[in-house]
Amino acid sequence: MIKFHRYELKVSIRNIRREANDQLKSMQKSKEISEDDEKKFEKVVQKYTDDHIKKIDDKIISKEKEI
């Protein structure tokens, strides 16, 4: 049960990352941001994604130890 929730949370976070990257691409195409800025922000989005997935993993591991 817990592993299913972990999977669902990770999928949700990855969907948010995809939406953010799609928005960055759209902004770059419409010249709202430069290509360099797009790449820089993609790295920031990836870092947040990685950080949140690690937090989820840490919480799940902690809960599994409790049980």
Protein backbone atom coordinates (compact mmCIF):
# COMPACT_ATOMS: atom_id res chain seq x y z
CA MET A 1 0.00 0.00 0.00
CA ILE A 2 2.74 2.44 0.96
CA LYS A 3 4.75 1.58 -2.14
CA PHE A 4 1.72 2.35 -4.31
CA HIS A 5 1.41 5.79 -2.72
CA ARG A 6 5.13 6.39 -3.23
CA TYR A 7 4.70 5.58 -6.91
CA GLU A 8 1.67 7.86 -7.21
CA LEU A 9 3.49 10.74 -5.52
CA LYS A 10 6.51 10.35 -7.78
CA VAL A 11 4.32 10.32 -10.87
CA SER A 12 2.59 13.49 -9.69
CA ILE A 13 5.91 15.25 -9.15
CA ARG A 14 7.17 14.15 -12.56
CA ASN A 15 3.97 15.44 -14.17
CA ILE A 16 4.54 18.82 -12.53
CA ARG A 17 8.12 18.79 -13.85
CA ARG A 18 6.87 18.01 -17.35
CA GLU A 19 4.31 20.82 -17.21
CA ALA A 20 6.95 23.27 -15.99
CA ASN A 21 9.36 22.26 -18.75
CA ASP A 22 6.59 22.53 -21.35
CA GLN A 23 5.82 26.03 -20.12
CA LEU A 24 9.51 26.96 -20.31
CA LYS A 25 9.68 25.69 -23.90
CA SER A 26 6.60 27.71 -24.77
CA MET A 27 8.10 30.83 -23.22
CA GLN A 28 11.33 30.30 -25.12
CA LYS A 29 9.49 29.82 -28.41
CA SER A 30 7.57 33.05 -27.87
CA LYS A 31 10.88 34.79 -27.02
CA GLU A 32 9.81 35.61 -23.44
CA ILE A 33 13.02 33.95 -22.22
CA SER A 34 16.28 33.09 -23.93
CA GLU A 35 17.40 29.57 -24.73
CA ASP A 36 20.08 29.88 -22.04
CA ASP A 37 17.45 30.88 -19.47
CA GLU A 38 15.29 27.94 -20.51
CA LYS A 39 18.15 25.50 -19.87
CA LYS A 40 19.00 27.20 -16.58
CA PHE A 41 15.40 26.98 -15.35
CA GLU A 42 15.10 23.37 -16.51
CA LYS A 43 18.05 22.56 -14.24
CA VAL A 44 16.32 24.34 -11.34
CA VAL A 45 13.10 22.42 -11.98
CA GLN A 46 15.07 19.15 -12.09
CA LYS A 47 16.78 19.97 -8.79
CA TYR A 48 13.42 20.63 -7.11
CA THR A 49 12.08 17.40 -8.60
CA ASP A 50 15.02 15.41 -7.29
CA ASP A 51 14.78 17.04 -3.86
CA HIS A 52 11.09 16.28 -3.50
CA ILE A 53 11.43 12.69 -4.68
CA LYS A 54 14.22 12.20 -2.14
CA LYS A 55 11.97 13.62 0.61
CA ILE A 56 9.22 11.20 -0.38
CA ASP A 57 11.63 8.27 -0.35
CA ASP A 58 12.98 9.30 3.05
CA LYS A 59 9.48 9.62 4.53
CA ILE A 60 8.37 6.28 3.11
CA ILE A 61 11.46 4.52 4.43
CA SER A 62 10.84 6.07 7.82
CA LYS A 63 7.20 4.93 7.80
CA GLU A 64 8.15 1.42 6.71
CA LYS A 65 10.54 1.18 9.67
CA GLU A 66 7.72 2.27 12.01
CA ILE A 67 5.48 -0.48 10.73
